[in-house]
Protein backbone atom coordinates (compact mmCIF):
# COMPACT_ATOMS: atom_id res chain seq x y z
CA MET A 1 158.04 94.07 109.43
CA GLY A 2 158.91 92.58 105.76
CA SER A 3 161.08 90.06 107.77
CA ALA A 4 161.66 86.65 105.41
CA PHE A 5 162.05 83.95 107.26
CA LEU A 6 160.93 81.12 105.12
CA ARG A 7 160.36 82.46 101.18
CA PRO A 8 160.18 81.87 97.69
CA ARG A 9 163.15 82.16 95.68
CA ALA A 10 161.91 82.12 91.81
CA LEU A 11 163.31 84.56 89.17
CA VAL A 12 165.01 87.96 91.18
CA ALA A 13 165.33 91.09 89.05
CA VAL A 14 168.52 92.95 90.76
CA ALA A 15 169.20 96.28 90.06
CA LEU A 16 172.37 97.19 92.06
CA LEU A 17 171.72 101.09 92.76
CA GLY A 18 173.42 103.42 95.08
CA GLY A 19 177.15 102.97 92.96
CA GLU A 20 176.56 99.11 94.08
CA ALA A 21 176.64 98.91 90.50
CA ALA A 22 174.43 100.18 87.82
CA ALA A 23 173.56 96.92 85.40
CA THR A 24 170.09 95.17 85.97
CA GLY A 25 170.59 91.06 85.39
CA SER A 26 167.56 88.30 86.53
CA ILE A 27 169.30 85.55 87.90
CA TRP A 28 167.78 82.52 88.89
CA CYS A 29 167.69 80.73 92.34
CA SER A 30 167.70 76.51 91.54
CA ARG A 31 166.05 76.61 95.89
CA SER A 32 162.68 77.04 96.84
CA PHE A 33 163.49 77.75 100.14
CA ALA A 34 165.93 79.54 102.39
CA SER A 35 167.14 77.07 104.63
CA LEU A 36 168.06 79.45 107.78
CA ALA A 37 164.70 80.27 109.99
CA THR A 38 164.06 81.49 113.26
CA GLY A 39 164.94 77.95 115.50
CA THR A 40 167.50 77.15 113.46
CA ASP A 41 171.26 76.41 114.92
CA ILE A 42 172.89 78.05 112.59
CA VAL A 43 175.76 76.14 113.85
CA SER A 44 174.53 72.89 112.36
CA ALA A 45 173.00 74.59 109.32
CA ALA A 46 176.19 75.40 108.25
CA GLN A 47 178.04 72.40 110.10
CA GLY A 48 181.91 72.33 107.96
CA ALA A 49 182.21 76.13 106.52
CA THR A 50 185.00 78.28 108.58
CA LEU A 51 185.28 82.03 108.28
CA GLN A 52 188.02 83.76 107.63
CA LYS A 53 188.53 86.58 110.38
CA ALA A 54 189.64 89.89 108.29
CA ARG A 55 193.73 90.67 108.68
CA SER A 56 196.31 91.92 106.83
CA TRP A 57 198.62 89.18 104.51
CA ASP A 58 200.96 89.50 106.77
CA GLU A 59 198.90 88.37 110.16
CA GLY A 60 197.60 85.48 107.49
CA VAL A 61 201.35 83.80 106.43
CA SER A 62 201.51 84.16 110.63
CA SER A 63 198.68 82.68 111.64
CA LYS A 64 199.33 80.57 108.51
CA PHE A 65 195.81 81.00 107.02
CA SER A 66 194.21 80.13 109.84
CA THR A 67 189.89 80.02 109.71
CA THR A 68 187.69 80.60 112.22
CA PRO A 69 185.19 77.71 113.35
CA ILE A 70 181.57 78.41 112.94
CA ASN A 71 181.05 77.52 116.90
CA GLU A 72 183.56 79.38 117.56
CA ILE A 73 181.74 82.76 117.04
CA PHE A 74 178.51 81.58 117.95
CA LYS A 75 178.08 78.96 121.26
CA GLY A 76 177.59 80.88 124.47
CA LYS A 77 176.84 84.01 123.05
CA LYS A 78 174.39 86.98 121.94
CA VAL A 79 175.38 87.83 118.73
CA VAL A 80 173.96 90.04 115.82
CA ILE A 81 175.35 89.21 112.26
CA PHE A 82 174.54 90.69 109.19
CA GLY A 83 175.72 89.74 105.26
CA LEU A 84 175.98 91.57 102.32
CA PRO A 85 176.96 91.53 98.68
CA GLY A 86 180.46 92.56 98.91
CA ALA A 87 183.48 94.97 100.42
CA PHE A 88 183.87 98.01 98.63
CA THR A 89 180.35 98.12 97.45
CA GLY A 90 177.81 101.05 97.30
CA VAL A 91 174.94 100.49 99.92
CA CYS A 92 177.38 98.13 101.75
CA SER A 93 179.61 100.86 102.23
CA GLN A 94 177.49 103.73 102.87
CA GLN A 95 175.05 102.47 104.20
CA HIS A 96 174.52 98.74 105.61
CA VAL A 97 177.95 98.81 107.56
CA PRO A 98 177.79 102.30 109.34
CA SER A 99 174.19 101.20 110.65
CA TYR A 100 175.74 98.55 112.92
CA LYS A 101 178.96 100.95 113.30
CA ASN A 102 176.61 103.75 114.51
CA ASN A 103 174.33 101.46 116.74
CA PHE A 104 176.93 99.60 117.78
CA LYS A 105 176.61 101.09 122.24
CA LYS A 106 172.61 100.44 121.92
CA LEU A 107 173.44 96.69 120.87
CA LYS A 108 176.13 96.60 123.05
CA ALA A 109 173.46 97.80 126.16
CA LYS A 110 171.56 95.05 124.95
CA GLY A 111 173.18 92.54 126.10
CA ILE A 112 174.85 91.44 122.35
CA ASP A 113 178.50 89.99 122.96
CA SER A 114 179.74 91.05 119.02
CA VAL A 115 178.55 92.59 116.07
CA VAL A 116 179.89 90.26 112.96
CA CYS A 117 180.47 91.22 109.26
CA VAL A 118 179.81 88.22 106.88
CA SER A 119 181.08 89.36 102.98
CA VAL A 120 181.49 86.82 100.46
CA ASN A 121 185.68 88.62 100.12
CA ASP A 122 188.44 87.36 101.20
CA PRO A 123 190.01 88.45 104.55
CA TYR A 124 192.48 90.87 103.00
CA ALA A 125 190.28 92.66 101.34
CA LEU A 126 187.76 92.77 104.04
CA ASN A 127 190.25 93.47 106.31
CA GLY A 128 191.05 97.05 104.56
CA TRP A 129 187.54 97.87 103.54
CA ALA A 130 186.79 97.46 107.21
CA GLU A 131 189.72 100.19 107.86
CA LYS A 132 188.70 102.17 105.38
CA LEU A 133 185.43 102.20 107.13
CA GLN A 134 186.91 102.71 110.83
CA ALA A 135 184.39 99.93 112.40
CA LYS A 136 186.91 97.71 112.97
CA GLU A 137 186.24 98.57 117.08
CA ALA A 138 182.31 97.83 116.52
CA ILE A 139 182.55 95.29 114.29
CA ASP A 140 184.05 91.96 113.70
CA PHE A 141 184.40 91.12 110.03
CA TYR A 142 185.05 88.11 108.54
CA GLY A 143 185.70 86.24 104.44
CA ASP A 144 183.52 83.69 103.04
CA PHE A 145 186.36 83.65 100.89
CA ASP A 146 184.97 80.81 99.24
CA GLY A 147 180.87 82.12 99.50
CA SER A 148 180.68 78.24 101.07
CA PHE A 149 179.01 79.73 104.33
CA HIS A 150 176.13 81.88 102.53
CA LYS A 151 176.21 78.47 100.41
CA SER A 152 175.16 76.38 103.14
CA LEU A 153 172.73 78.74 104.37
CA GLU A 154 170.79 78.91 101.45
CA LEU A 155 171.56 82.81 101.63
CA ASP A 156 173.77 82.85 98.48
CA VAL A 157 172.93 84.84 94.91
CA ASP A 158 174.34 84.93 91.53
CA LEU A 159 175.69 88.40 90.82
CA SER A 160 177.45 87.78 87.53
CA GLY A 161 174.71 90.39 85.79
CA ALA A 162 176.72 92.87 88.42
CA LEU A 163 180.29 91.35 87.46
CA MET A 164 180.57 89.74 91.12
CA GLY A 165 179.28 86.13 90.79
CA ARG A 166 178.13 84.34 93.67
CA ARG A 167 177.83 86.25 96.32
CA SER A 168 175.43 86.75 100.06
CA HIS A 169 171.77 87.82 100.15
CA ARG A 170 171.92 91.54 102.41
CA TRP A 171 170.54 90.23 105.43
CA SER A 172 171.08 90.10 109.50
CA ALA A 173 170.02 87.78 112.33
CA TYR A 174 169.92 87.93 115.98
CA VAL A 175 171.38 84.67 117.70
CA VAL A 176 171.68 82.98 120.60
CA ASP A 177 173.78 80.19 121.69
CA GLY A 178 173.85 79.59 117.92
CA LYS A 179 169.79 79.51 117.50
CA VAL A 180 168.61 82.32 115.04
CA GLN A 181 165.52 84.25 116.93
CA ALA A 182 165.36 86.64 114.57
CA LEU A 183 166.30 86.63 110.79
CA ASN A 184 165.48 89.25 108.48
CA VAL A 185 166.90 88.89 104.29
CA GLU A 186 166.06 91.89 101.46
CA LYS A 187 164.36 91.01 98.90
CA LYS A 188 167.18 92.19 96.41
CA PRO A 189 170.78 93.02 97.44
CA SER A 190 170.57 96.47 96.75
CA ASP A 191 167.64 97.32 99.26
CA PHE A 192 168.15 98.42 102.76
CA VAL A 193 165.42 97.89 104.23
CA VAL A 194 164.86 94.93 106.90
CA SER A 195 168.29 94.13 107.24
CA THR A 196 169.22 97.56 109.47
CA ALA A 197 170.42 97.69 113.03
CA GLU A 198 167.36 99.54 113.80
CA VAL A 199 165.34 96.31 113.30
CA ILE A 200 167.35 94.13 114.93
CA LEU A 201 167.76 95.98 117.67
CA ASP A 202 163.35 96.27 118.07
CA GLN A 203 163.87 92.24 118.12
CA ILE A 204 166.19 91.78 120.29
């Protein structure tokens, strides 16, 4: 099925298409293998990292800019999580989020407690994007504002060639009580082949 569990991470050629950007760059990844794999405890792997639930600025102020511990998202739950390069970008807006939004009922029917989208964005931009896509009722959006969550899982990538800086690979995972049951990582961030909702449905 093309899923990537532990895969070489040498020179990556990024061609961001589909409106995401019309830029091509060569990006070096310093690591050899991704640390996240089937059987990994994602809570332990991302120990110390926190995420920020998508919200308006006023909600952020009233919550005193609170963050959400990783443990709170995964422990005791069946979760489908997907990561993507950025809010308001082409493939992410036109294909990735709609895939999970449109298949939400099918995922719930398989016993999934929550569907989570995480991106290296501040929670306010992410909130505006989620509202624009009318996806907040189906998907829980979380901002990884400094990229620490993706970096700890070795799923970060340098997209400076597309003027985005360090971002997330495009990926998806099925996680039960914090343990990764299935993991899918695209070969390049512009791809949308193995991280679809349809793929993860077959893995649950």
